[in-house]
C-alpha atoms as a PDB file:
ATOM      1  CA  MET A   1      18.057 -10.034   4.687  1.00  0.00           C
ATOM      2  CA  VAL A   2      14.426  -7.900   4.470  1.00  0.00           C
ATOM      3  CA  HIS A   3      15.456  -3.967   5.381  1.00  0.00           C
ATOM      4  CA  LYS A   4      12.786  -2.880   8.551  1.00  0.00           C
ATOM      5  CA  ASP A   5      12.021   0.364   5.572  1.00  0.00           C
ATOM      6  CA  ILE A   6      10.431  -1.441   2.544  1.00  0.00           C
ATOM      7  CA  ILE A   7       7.126  -1.441   1.621  1.00  0.00           C
ATOM      8  CA  ASN A   8       5.817  -5.069   1.944  1.00  0.00           C
ATOM      9  CA  LYS A   9       2.146  -7.131   1.472  1.00  0.00           C
ATOM     10  CA  ASP A  10       2.076  -7.418   5.487  1.00  0.00           C
ATOM     11  CA  MET A  11       2.105  -4.066   6.393  1.00  0.00           C
ATOM     12  CA  ILE A  12      -1.402  -1.994   7.316  1.00  0.00           C
ATOM     13  CA  ILE A  13      -2.623   0.414   5.083  1.00  0.00           C
ATOM     14  CA  PHE A  14      -2.815   2.745   7.386  1.00  0.00           C
ATOM     15  CA  ASP A  15       0.752   2.631   8.299  1.00  0.00           C
ATOM     16  CA  ILE A  16       2.249   3.483   4.854  1.00  0.00           C
ATOM     17  CA  LEU A  17      -0.342   6.260   4.644  1.00  0.00           C
ATOM     18  CA  GLN A  18       1.654   7.568   7.672  1.00  0.00           C
ATOM     19  CA  GLN A  19       5.051   6.875   6.581  1.00  0.00           C
ATOM     20  CA  PHE A  20       4.322   7.716   3.425  1.00  0.00           C
ATOM     21  CA  PRO A  21       1.828  10.326   2.482  1.00  0.00           C
ATOM     22  CA  GLU A  22       2.628  10.039  -1.672  1.00  0.00           C
ATOM     23  CA  ALA A  23       1.835   7.082  -1.676  1.00  0.00           C
ATOM     24  CA  GLU A  24      -1.995   7.411  -1.413  1.00  0.00           C
ATOM     25  CA  LYS A  25      -0.978   9.164  -5.609  1.00  0.00           C
ATOM     26  CA  VAL A  26      -0.059   5.138  -6.322  1.00  0.00           C
ATOM     27  CA  LEU A  27      -2.844   4.011  -4.192  1.00  0.00           C
ATOM     28  CA  GLU A  28      -5.373   5.984  -6.481  1.00  0.00           C
ATOM     29  CA  SER A  29      -3.359   4.715  -9.486  1.00  0.00           C
ATOM     30  CA  PHE A  30      -4.454   1.133  -9.035  1.00  0.00           C
ATOM     31  CA  GLY A  31      -8.073   2.165  -8.748  1.00  0.00           C
ATOM     32  CA  MET A  32      -7.157   2.148  -4.996  1.00  0.00           C
ATOM     33  CA  ARG A  33      -8.937   4.843  -3.165  1.00  0.00           C
ATOM     34  CA  CYS A  34      -7.769   4.172   0.744  1.00  0.00           C
ATOM     35  CA  SER A  35      -7.693   7.345   2.007  1.00  0.00           C
ATOM     36  CA  GLU A  36     -11.930   7.368   1.797  1.00  0.00           C
ATOM     37  CA  CYS A  37     -11.991   4.153   3.183  1.00  0.00           C
ATOM     38  CA  LEU A  38     -11.954   2.946   7.247  1.00  0.00           C
ATOM     39  CA  ALA A  39     -10.925  -0.619   5.769  1.00  0.00           C
ATOM     40  CA  VAL A  40      -7.401   1.249   6.431  1.00  0.00           C
ATOM     41  CA  VAL A  41      -6.902   1.014   9.960  1.00  0.00           C
ATOM     42  CA  ASN A  42      -7.306  -3.109  10.314  1.00  0.00           C
ATOM     43  CA  GLU A  43      -6.306  -3.793   6.548  1.00  0.00           C
ATOM     44  CA  ASN A  44      -2.501  -5.223   4.982  1.00  0.00           C
ATOM     45  CA  LEU A  45      -2.085  -4.285   1.570  1.00  0.00           C
ATOM     46  CA  ALA A  46      -2.251  -8.103   0.811  1.00  0.00           C
ATOM     47  CA  GLN A  47      -5.951  -8.069   1.724  1.00  0.00           C
ATOM     48  CA  SER A  48      -6.334  -5.023   0.089  1.00  0.00           C
ATOM     49  CA  ALA A  49      -5.127  -6.061  -3.328  1.00  0.00           C
ATOM     50  CA  VAL A  50      -7.034  -9.091  -3.677  1.00  0.00           C
ATOM     51  CA  ARG A  51     -10.018  -7.064  -2.678  1.00  0.00           C
ATOM     52  CA  HIS A  52      -9.738  -4.727  -5.454  1.00  0.00           C
ATOM     53  CA  ASN A  53      -7.890  -7.226  -7.309  1.00  0.00           C
ATOM     54  CA  VAL A  54      -4.897  -5.402  -8.072  1.00  0.00           C
ATOM     55  CA  GLU A  55      -1.835  -7.209  -9.024  1.00  0.00           C
ATOM     56  CA  LEU A  56       0.188  -7.427  -5.421  1.00  0.00           C
ATOM     57  CA  GLU A  57       3.598  -7.162  -7.196  1.00  0.00           C
ATOM     58  CA  SER A  58       2.798  -4.783  -9.518  1.00  0.00           C
ATOM     59  CA  LEU A  59       1.867  -2.346  -6.541  1.00  0.00           C
ATOM     60  CA  LEU A  60       4.918  -2.964  -4.294  1.00  0.00           C
ATOM     61  CA  THR A  61       7.008  -2.336  -6.859  1.00  0.00           C
ATOM     62  CA  ALA A  62       5.559   0.810  -7.154  1.00  0.00           C
ATOM     63  CA  LEU A  63       5.064   1.831  -3.579  1.00  0.00           C
ATOM     64  CA  ASN A  64       8.445   0.620  -3.006  1.00  0.00           C
ATOM     65  CA  LYS A  65       9.644   3.722  -6.346  1.00  0.00           C
ATOM     66  CA  LEU A  66       8.637   6.096  -2.913  1.00  0.00           C
ATOM     67  CA  ARG A  67      11.676   5.133  -0.688  1.00  0.00           C
ATOM     68  CA  LYS A  68      14.080   6.691  -3.183  1.00  0.00           C
END
């Protein structure tokens, strides 16, 4: 069973940033300057990871540490 508060690959980046403002720093540490891009309103985390050549599982691990 997946808990709804877990940040997952299908979440829209804008929603992640709204729920977890500190995620901006995590995304930037992976070279993803999402706060400066209009794609955040339509693009999910998996799509953005591919576009930025970022390993998705490492990114998810780092983002989900924000929940603790």
